[in-house]
Amino acid sequence: PDPKGINLRLLARALRTLTGLGSSCLPWAVFIDFLSCPQKGPNGEDRSEAEAELFKRALADMMAWYAHPKLLTLKLTQLPPNYPAGFAF
């Protein structure tokens, strides 16, 4: 969750920097796992049966986004200031 767009602005800044390094002719893709895969509810509610199946199918191929030798992975390693400390899962 990024209701204030703080993480999105960080990502946009990083992508502007990377595309300005002379590699802008290459194909680019952005995969944000939290947004791309169904998550549990904010209070730890289970996924629906359909969501659980989609999540399971995504997990089978998701490592390609993290482990492929020609991909660059960016990680957000902390929550923005004044955000909740986390979620109750």
N, C-alpha and C. Protein backbone atom coordinates (compact mmCIF):
# COMPACT_ATOMS: atom_id res chain seq x y z
N PRO A 1 0.83 -1.20 0.00
CA PRO A 1 0.00 0.00 0.00
C PRO A 1 0.87 1.25 0.00
N ASP A 2 0.48 2.19 -0.81
CA ASP A 2 1.24 3.43 -0.95
C ASP A 2 0.26 4.58 -1.21
N PRO A 3 -0.65 4.85 -0.27
CA PRO A 3 -1.69 5.84 -0.53
C PRO A 3 -1.16 7.25 -0.78
N LYS A 4 0.04 7.55 -0.33
CA LYS A 4 0.61 8.89 -0.55
C LYS A 4 1.54 8.93 -1.76
N GLY A 5 1.76 7.80 -2.40
CA GLY A 5 2.60 7.75 -3.59
C GLY A 5 4.09 7.91 -3.34
N ILE A 6 4.52 7.74 -2.10
CA ILE A 6 5.93 7.93 -1.75
C ILE A 6 6.81 6.88 -2.45
N ASN A 7 6.44 5.63 -2.35
CA ASN A 7 7.23 4.57 -2.98
C ASN A 7 7.18 4.67 -4.50
N LEU A 8 6.05 5.06 -5.03
CA LEU A 8 5.93 5.22 -6.48
C LEU A 8 6.88 6.32 -6.97
N ARG A 9 6.99 7.42 -6.23
CA ARG A 9 7.92 8.48 -6.62
C ARG A 9 9.37 8.00 -6.54
N LEU A 10 9.71 7.20 -5.52
CA LEU A 10 11.06 6.63 -5.44
C LEU A 10 11.36 5.74 -6.64
N LEU A 11 10.40 4.90 -7.00
CA LEU A 11 10.56 4.02 -8.15
C LEU A 11 10.72 4.84 -9.43
N ALA A 12 9.89 5.86 -9.61
CA ALA A 12 9.97 6.70 -10.80
C ALA A 12 11.34 7.37 -10.91
N ARG A 13 11.86 7.86 -9.79
CA ARG A 13 13.18 8.49 -9.79
C ARG A 13 14.26 7.48 -10.19
N ALA A 14 14.20 6.27 -9.64
CA ALA A 14 15.18 5.24 -9.97
C ALA A 14 15.10 4.87 -11.45
N LEU A 15 13.89 4.73 -11.98
CA LEU A 15 13.73 4.36 -13.38
C LEU A 15 14.21 5.48 -14.30
N ARG A 16 13.96 6.73 -13.94
CA ARG A 16 14.48 7.85 -14.74
C ARG A 16 16.00 7.81 -14.77
N THR A 17 16.62 7.54 -13.64
CA THR A 17 18.08 7.45 -13.58
C THR A 17 18.59 6.31 -14.45
N LEU A 18 17.99 5.14 -14.31
CA LEU A 18 18.44 3.97 -15.07
C LEU A 18 18.26 4.16 -16.57
N THR A 19 17.14 4.73 -16.99
CA THR A 19 16.91 4.91 -18.42
C THR A 19 17.79 6.02 -18.98
N GLY A 20 18.33 6.88 -18.14
CA GLY A 20 19.23 7.93 -18.59
C GLY A 20 20.67 7.49 -18.69
N LEU A 21 20.96 6.23 -18.40
CA LEU A 21 22.33 5.72 -18.44
C LEU A 21 22.71 5.16 -19.81
N GLY A 22 21.95 5.49 -20.83
CA GLY A 22 22.29 5.04 -22.17
C GLY A 22 21.68 3.71 -22.56
N SER A 23 20.84 3.14 -21.74
CA SER A 23 20.24 1.86 -22.08
C SER A 23 18.75 1.98 -22.34
N SER A 24 18.31 3.18 -22.71
CA SER A 24 16.88 3.38 -22.89
C SER A 24 16.34 2.68 -24.13
N CYS A 25 17.21 2.19 -25.03
CA CYS A 25 16.72 1.49 -26.21
C CYS A 25 16.34 0.05 -25.88
N LEU A 26 16.73 -0.43 -24.73
CA LEU A 26 16.42 -1.80 -24.34
C LEU A 26 14.98 -1.90 -23.87
N PRO A 27 14.38 -3.09 -23.98
CA PRO A 27 13.02 -3.24 -23.44
C PRO A 27 13.04 -3.16 -21.92
N TRP A 28 12.01 -2.58 -21.36
CA TRP A 28 11.88 -2.44 -19.91
C TRP A 28 10.56 -3.05 -19.47
N ALA A 29 10.55 -3.60 -18.30
CA ALA A 29 9.33 -4.10 -17.68
C ALA A 29 9.43 -3.80 -16.19
N VAL A 30 8.31 -3.54 -15.59
CA VAL A 30 8.25 -3.30 -14.14
C VAL A 30 7.26 -4.29 -13.57
N PHE A 31 7.72 -5.06 -12.59
CA PHE A 31 6.88 -6.03 -11.91
C PHE A 31 6.90 -5.67 -10.43
N ILE A 32 5.76 -5.33 -9.90
CA ILE A 32 5.64 -5.01 -8.48
C ILE A 32 4.84 -6.14 -7.85
N ASP A 33 5.55 -7.03 -7.17
CA ASP A 33 4.90 -8.27 -6.73
C ASP A 33 3.71 -8.02 -5.83
N PHE A 34 3.80 -7.06 -4.94
CA PHE A 34 2.68 -6.80 -4.02
C PHE A 34 1.42 -6.40 -4.78
N LEU A 35 1.59 -5.68 -5.88
CA LEU A 35 0.44 -5.25 -6.67
C LEU A 35 0.01 -6.27 -7.71
N SER A 36 0.95 -7.13 -8.10
CA SER A 36 0.68 -8.06 -9.18
C SER A 36 0.06 -9.37 -8.73
N CYS A 37 0.14 -9.67 -7.46
CA CYS A 37 -0.38 -10.92 -6.92
C CYS A 37 -1.39 -10.63 -5.82
N PRO A 38 -2.49 -11.38 -5.77
CA PRO A 38 -3.46 -11.17 -4.71
C PRO A 38 -2.82 -11.35 -3.33
N GLN A 39 -3.06 -10.41 -2.43
CA GLN A 39 -2.51 -10.44 -1.09
C GLN A 39 -3.61 -10.77 -0.08
N LYS A 40 -3.20 -11.10 1.12
CA LYS A 40 -4.17 -11.26 2.20
C LYS A 40 -4.75 -9.88 2.52
N GLY A 41 -5.88 -9.86 3.21
CA GLY A 41 -6.50 -8.60 3.57
C GLY A 41 -5.68 -7.85 4.61
N PRO A 42 -5.98 -6.58 4.86
CA PRO A 42 -5.20 -5.76 5.78
C PRO A 42 -5.20 -6.28 7.21
N ASN A 43 -6.18 -7.09 7.56
CA ASN A 43 -6.22 -7.67 8.91
C ASN A 43 -5.91 -9.16 8.88
N GLY A 44 -5.24 -9.59 7.80
CA GLY A 44 -4.85 -10.99 7.70
C GLY A 44 -5.91 -11.91 7.13
N GLU A 45 -6.98 -11.35 6.57
CA GLU A 45 -8.03 -12.19 6.00
C GLU A 45 -7.45 -13.04 4.86
N ASP A 46 -7.90 -14.28 4.78
CA ASP A 46 -7.43 -15.17 3.72
C ASP A 46 -7.86 -14.67 2.35
N ARG A 47 -7.11 -15.07 1.35
CA ARG A 47 -7.49 -14.81 -0.03
C ARG A 47 -8.72 -15.66 -0.35
N SER A 48 -9.51 -15.21 -1.33
CA SER A 48 -10.62 -16.04 -1.78
C SER A 48 -10.04 -17.28 -2.47
N GLU A 49 -10.87 -18.25 -2.76
CA GLU A 49 -10.39 -19.47 -3.42
C GLU A 49 -9.77 -19.14 -4.77
N ALA A 50 -10.42 -18.25 -5.53
CA ALA A 50 -9.89 -17.86 -6.84
C ALA A 50 -8.57 -17.10 -6.69
N GLU A 51 -8.49 -16.20 -5.71
CA GLU A 51 -7.25 -15.45 -5.47
C GLU A 51 -6.12 -16.38 -5.03
N ALA A 52 -6.43 -17.34 -4.20
CA ALA A 52 -5.42 -18.29 -3.73
C ALA A 52 -4.86 -19.10 -4.91
N GLU A 53 -5.71 -19.48 -5.83
CA GLU A 53 -5.25 -20.21 -7.01
C GLU A 53 -4.36 -19.34 -7.88
N LEU A 54 -4.74 -18.08 -8.09
CA LEU A 54 -3.90 -17.15 -8.87
C LEU A 54 -2.55 -16.94 -8.19
N PHE A 55 -2.56 -16.78 -6.88
CA PHE A 55 -1.33 -16.57 -6.13
C PHE A 55 -0.41 -17.78 -6.28
N LYS A 56 -0.98 -18.97 -6.15
CA LYS A 56 -0.21 -20.21 -6.27
C LYS A 56 0.41 -20.32 -7.67
N ARG A 57 -0.36 -19.98 -8.69
CA ARG A 57 0.16 -20.05 -10.06
C ARG A 57 1.26 -19.02 -10.27
N ALA A 58 1.11 -17.83 -9.70
CA ALA A 58 2.14 -16.79 -9.85
C ALA A 58 3.44 -17.20 -9.17
N LEU A 59 3.35 -17.81 -8.00
CA LEU A 59 4.55 -18.23 -7.27
C LEU A 59 5.42 -19.19 -8.08
N ALA A 60 4.77 -19.99 -8.91
CA ALA A 60 5.50 -20.99 -9.69
C ALA A 60 6.52 -20.35 -10.64
N ASP A 61 6.24 -19.13 -11.11
CA ASP A 61 7.12 -18.48 -12.08
C ASP A 61 7.73 -17.17 -11.58
N MET A 62 7.38 -16.76 -10.39
CA MET A 62 7.80 -15.46 -9.90
C MET A 62 9.32 -15.33 -9.74
N MET A 63 10.00 -16.41 -9.44
CA MET A 63 11.44 -16.31 -9.21
C MET A 63 12.20 -15.83 -10.44
N ALA A 64 11.63 -15.99 -11.62
CA ALA A 64 12.28 -15.48 -12.83
C ALA A 64 12.50 -13.97 -12.73
N TRP A 65 11.60 -13.28 -12.04
CA TRP A 65 11.73 -11.82 -11.88
C TRP A 65 12.83 -11.45 -10.89
N TYR A 66 13.24 -12.38 -10.08
CA TYR A 66 14.26 -12.08 -9.08
C TYR A 66 15.61 -12.72 -9.39
N ALA A 67 15.63 -13.78 -10.16
CA ALA A 67 16.86 -14.55 -10.31
C ALA A 67 17.44 -14.56 -11.73
N HIS A 68 16.74 -14.04 -12.71
CA HIS A 68 17.25 -14.07 -14.07
C HIS A 68 18.50 -13.20 -14.18
N PRO A 69 19.56 -13.70 -14.83
CA PRO A 69 20.83 -12.98 -14.86
C PRO A 69 20.80 -11.66 -15.62
N LYS A 70 19.80 -11.44 -16.46
CA LYS A 70 19.74 -10.19 -17.22
C LYS A 70 18.74 -9.19 -16.65
N LEU A 71 18.27 -9.45 -15.46
CA LEU A 71 17.30 -8.56 -14.84
C LEU A 71 17.92 -7.82 -13.66
N LEU A 72 17.45 -6.63 -13.46
CA LEU A 72 17.83 -5.82 -12.31
C LEU A 72 16.64 -5.77 -11.37
N THR A 73 16.86 -6.11 -10.13
CA THR A 73 15.79 -6.08 -9.14
C THR A 73 16.03 -4.93 -8.18
N LEU A 74 15.02 -4.11 -7.99
CA LEU A 74 15.06 -3.03 -7.02
C LEU A 74 14.16 -3.42 -5.85
N LYS A 75 14.62 -3.20 -4.65
CA LYS A 75 13.83 -3.54 -3.46
C LYS A 75 13.63 -2.29 -2.61
N LEU A 76 12.43 -2.12 -2.14
CA LEU A 76 12.15 -1.12 -1.10
C LEU A 76 12.35 -1.84 0.22
N THR A 77 13.26 -1.37 1.03
CA THR A 77 13.63 -2.11 2.24
C THR A 77 13.07 -1.51 3.52
N GLN A 78 12.33 -0.43 3.41
CA GLN A 78 11.70 0.14 4.61
C GLN A 78 10.44 0.88 4.22
N LEU A 79 9.56 1.03 5.18
CA LEU A 79 8.34 1.79 4.96
C LEU A 79 8.64 3.28 5.06
N PRO A 80 7.90 4.11 4.33
CA PRO A 80 8.11 5.55 4.41
C PRO A 80 7.83 6.06 5.84
N PRO A 81 8.35 7.24 6.17
CA PRO A 81 8.09 7.82 7.49
C PRO A 81 6.58 7.96 7.75
N ASN A 82 6.19 7.75 8.97
CA ASN A 82 4.80 7.90 9.43
C ASN A 82 3.85 6.84 8.89
N TYR A 83 4.39 5.75 8.34
CA TYR A 83 3.54 4.64 7.91
C TYR A 83 3.41 3.67 9.08
N PRO A 84 2.37 2.84 9.07
CA PRO A 84 2.27 1.82 10.14
C PRO A 84 3.50 0.94 10.14
N ALA A 85 3.81 0.35 11.26
CA ALA A 85 4.99 -0.49 11.40
C ALA A 85 4.89 -1.78 10.59
N GLY A 86 3.71 -2.14 10.14
CA GLY A 86 3.54 -3.38 9.37
C GLY A 86 2.10 -3.82 9.41
N PHE A 87 1.88 -5.06 9.10
CA PHE A 87 0.54 -5.61 9.05
C PHE A 87 0.48 -6.83 9.95
N ALA A 88 -0.68 -7.12 10.47
CA ALA A 88 -0.87 -8.24 11.39
C ALA A 88 -1.18 -9.49 10.59
N PHE A 89 -0.14 -10.27 10.26
CA PHE A 89 -0.34 -11.53 9.52
C PHE A 89 0.13 -12.66 10.37
